[in-house]
Amino acid sequence: MSFPDGSSVEFADREGLCYSEANGYSVAINFYFQHRFLKGRRLVLREIQHWDSPNEAELISDVKRQEIREKIEVYCARRRIPLVVE
């Protein structure tokens, strides 16, 4: 799913998302299944710390982390995926 600023969120695999920006920065994000009796997915924000290679030395700011969260929430809402954020 693409956003007007050129960023995107997409499934990378069964338990992961990929967030990318127009400038080439990207980060793989774990996207956990909820516990046995709960539906949907779980996103753990504190795990989003560094950009992926070749920018892995750069930390992701709190402001950027919140922006990523909001985009993932839009992504999940459009696909009707229940989401819990920790």
C-alpha atoms as a PDB file:
ATOM      1  CA  MET A   1       0.000   0.000   0.000  1.00  0.00           C
ATOM      2  CA  SER A   2       1.468   3.331  -1.056  1.00  0.00           C
ATOM      3  CA  PHE A   3       1.019   6.682   0.667  1.00  0.00           C
ATOM      4  CA  PRO A   4       1.062  10.203  -0.853  1.00  0.00           C
ATOM      5  CA  ASP A   5       4.534  10.936   0.584  1.00  0.00           C
ATOM      6  CA  GLY A   6       6.020   8.021  -1.389  1.00  0.00           C
ATOM      7  CA  SER A   7       6.267   5.632   1.551  1.00  0.00           C
ATOM      8  CA  SER A   8       4.703   2.180   1.520  1.00  0.00           C
ATOM      9  CA  VAL A   9       3.718  -0.720   3.766  1.00  0.00           C
ATOM     10  CA  GLU A  10       3.472  -4.281   2.469  1.00  0.00           C
ATOM     11  CA  PHE A  11       3.554  -7.857   3.712  1.00  0.00           C
ATOM     12  CA  ALA A  12       7.106  -9.166   3.575  1.00  0.00           C
ATOM     13  CA  ASP A  13       6.179 -12.660   4.728  1.00  0.00           C
ATOM     14  CA  ARG A  14       3.733 -14.415   7.008  1.00  0.00           C
ATOM     15  CA  GLU A  15       4.905 -12.617  10.161  1.00  0.00           C
ATOM     16  CA  GLY A  16       6.513  -9.498   8.796  1.00  0.00           C
ATOM     17  CA  LEU A  17       5.852  -6.177   7.168  1.00  0.00           C
ATOM     18  CA  CYS A  18       8.167  -3.951   5.207  1.00  0.00           C
ATOM     19  CA  TYR A  19       7.951  -0.181   5.591  1.00  0.00           C
ATOM     20  CA  SER A  20       9.773   1.784   2.867  1.00  0.00           C
ATOM     21  CA  GLU A  21      10.302   5.458   2.165  1.00  0.00           C
ATOM     22  CA  ALA A  22      10.794   7.224  -1.156  1.00  0.00           C
ATOM     23  CA  ASN A  23      14.422   8.015  -0.187  1.00  0.00           C
ATOM     24  CA  GLY A  24      15.301   4.293  -0.112  1.00  0.00           C
ATOM     25  CA  TYR A  25      15.173   3.807   3.650  1.00  0.00           C
ATOM     26  CA  SER A  26      13.319   0.695   4.786  1.00  0.00           C
ATOM     27  CA  VAL A  27      12.718  -1.401   7.870  1.00  0.00           C
ATOM     28  CA  ALA A  28      11.456  -4.958   8.351  1.00  0.00           C
ATOM     29  CA  ILE A  29       8.837  -5.101  11.094  1.00  0.00           C
ATOM     30  CA  ASN A  30       7.701  -8.153  13.045  1.00  0.00           C
ATOM     31  CA  PHE A  31       3.939  -8.487  12.838  1.00  0.00           C
ATOM     32  CA  TYR A  32       2.931 -11.108  15.378  1.00  0.00           C
ATOM     33  CA  PHE A  33      -0.188 -13.226  15.442  1.00  0.00           C
ATOM     34  CA  GLN A  34      -2.291 -12.617  18.529  1.00  0.00           C
ATOM     35  CA  HIS A  35      -2.464 -15.264  21.212  1.00  0.00           C
ATOM     36  CA  ARG A  36      -4.481 -18.361  20.557  1.00  0.00           C
ATOM     37  CA  PHE A  37      -8.028 -17.033  21.205  1.00  0.00           C
ATOM     38  CA  LEU A  38      -7.570 -13.462  19.997  1.00  0.00           C
ATOM     39  CA  LYS A  39      -7.926 -12.432  16.371  1.00  0.00           C
ATOM     40  CA  GLY A  40      -5.648 -10.151  14.457  1.00  0.00           C
ATOM     41  CA  ARG A  41      -2.060  -9.078  14.769  1.00  0.00           C
ATOM     42  CA  ARG A  42       0.204  -7.437  17.322  1.00  0.00           C
ATOM     43  CA  LEU A  43       2.746  -4.709  16.618  1.00  0.00           C
ATOM     44  CA  VAL A  44       5.474  -4.030  19.206  1.00  0.00           C
ATOM     45  CA  LEU A  45       6.666  -0.461  18.621  1.00  0.00           C
ATOM     46  CA  ARG A  46       9.770  -0.699  20.810  1.00  0.00           C
ATOM     47  CA  GLU A  47      11.158  -3.274  18.371  1.00  0.00           C
ATOM     48  CA  ILE A  48      11.309  -0.681  15.575  1.00  0.00           C
ATOM     49  CA  GLN A  49      14.756   0.744  16.340  1.00  0.00           C
ATOM     50  CA  HIS A  50      17.058   0.870  13.281  1.00  0.00           C
ATOM     51  CA  TRP A  51      16.690   1.175   9.539  1.00  0.00           C
ATOM     52  CA  ASP A  52      17.684  -1.821   7.435  1.00  0.00           C
ATOM     53  CA  SER A  53      20.930  -2.032   5.463  1.00  0.00           C
ATOM     54  CA  PRO A  54      22.646   0.072   4.218  1.00  0.00           C
ATOM     55  CA  ASN A  55      21.311   2.562   6.804  1.00  0.00           C
ATOM     56  CA  GLU A  56      21.370   0.245   9.837  1.00  0.00           C
ATOM     57  CA  ALA A  57      23.597   2.627  11.823  1.00  0.00           C
ATOM     58  CA  GLU A  58      20.794   5.203  11.897  1.00  0.00           C
ATOM     59  CA  LEU A  59      18.229   5.044  14.672  1.00  0.00           C
ATOM     60  CA  ILE A  60      14.550   5.535  13.901  1.00  0.00           C
ATOM     61  CA  SER A  61      13.304   8.565  15.838  1.00  0.00           C
ATOM     62  CA  ASP A  62      10.244   8.492  18.091  1.00  0.00           C
ATOM     63  CA  VAL A  63       8.475  10.833  15.666  1.00  0.00           C
ATOM     64  CA  LYS A  64       9.230   8.544  12.705  1.00  0.00           C
ATOM     65  CA  ARG A  65       8.204   5.476  14.739  1.00  0.00           C
ATOM     66  CA  GLN A  66       4.801   7.096  15.376  1.00  0.00           C
ATOM     67  CA  GLU A  67       4.474   7.918  11.673  1.00  0.00           C
ATOM     68  CA  ILE A  68       5.217   4.283  10.807  1.00  0.00           C
ATOM     69  CA  ARG A  69       2.647   3.152  13.391  1.00  0.00           C
ATOM     70  CA  GLU A  70      -0.049   5.381  11.887  1.00  0.00           C
ATOM     71  CA  LYS A  71       0.629   4.036   8.406  1.00  0.00           C
ATOM     72  CA  ILE A  72       0.497   0.445   9.616  1.00  0.00           C
ATOM     73  CA  GLU A  73      -2.821   1.204  11.332  1.00  0.00           C
ATOM     74  CA  VAL A  74      -4.217   2.567   8.037  1.00  0.00           C
ATOM     75  CA  TYR A  75      -2.840  -0.463   6.191  1.00  0.00           C
ATOM     76  CA  CYS A  76      -4.506  -2.867   8.639  1.00  0.00           C
ATOM     77  CA  ALA A  77      -7.799  -0.971   8.710  1.00  0.00           C
ATOM     78  CA  ARG A  78      -8.070  -1.094   4.918  1.00  0.00           C
ATOM     79  CA  ARG A  79      -7.445  -4.832   4.961  1.00  0.00           C
ATOM     80  CA  ARG A  80      -9.705  -5.410   7.967  1.00  0.00           C
ATOM     81  CA  ILE A  81      -6.875  -6.839  10.043  1.00  0.00           C
ATOM     82  CA  PRO A  82      -7.489  -6.297  13.772  1.00  0.00           C
ATOM     83  CA  LEU A  83      -4.376  -4.699  15.268  1.00  0.00           C
ATOM     84  CA  VAL A  84      -3.083  -4.289  18.806  1.00  0.00           C
ATOM     85  CA  VAL A  85      -0.146  -1.931  19.299  1.00  0.00           C
ATOM     86  CA  GLU A  86       2.174  -2.245  22.274  1.00  0.00           C
END
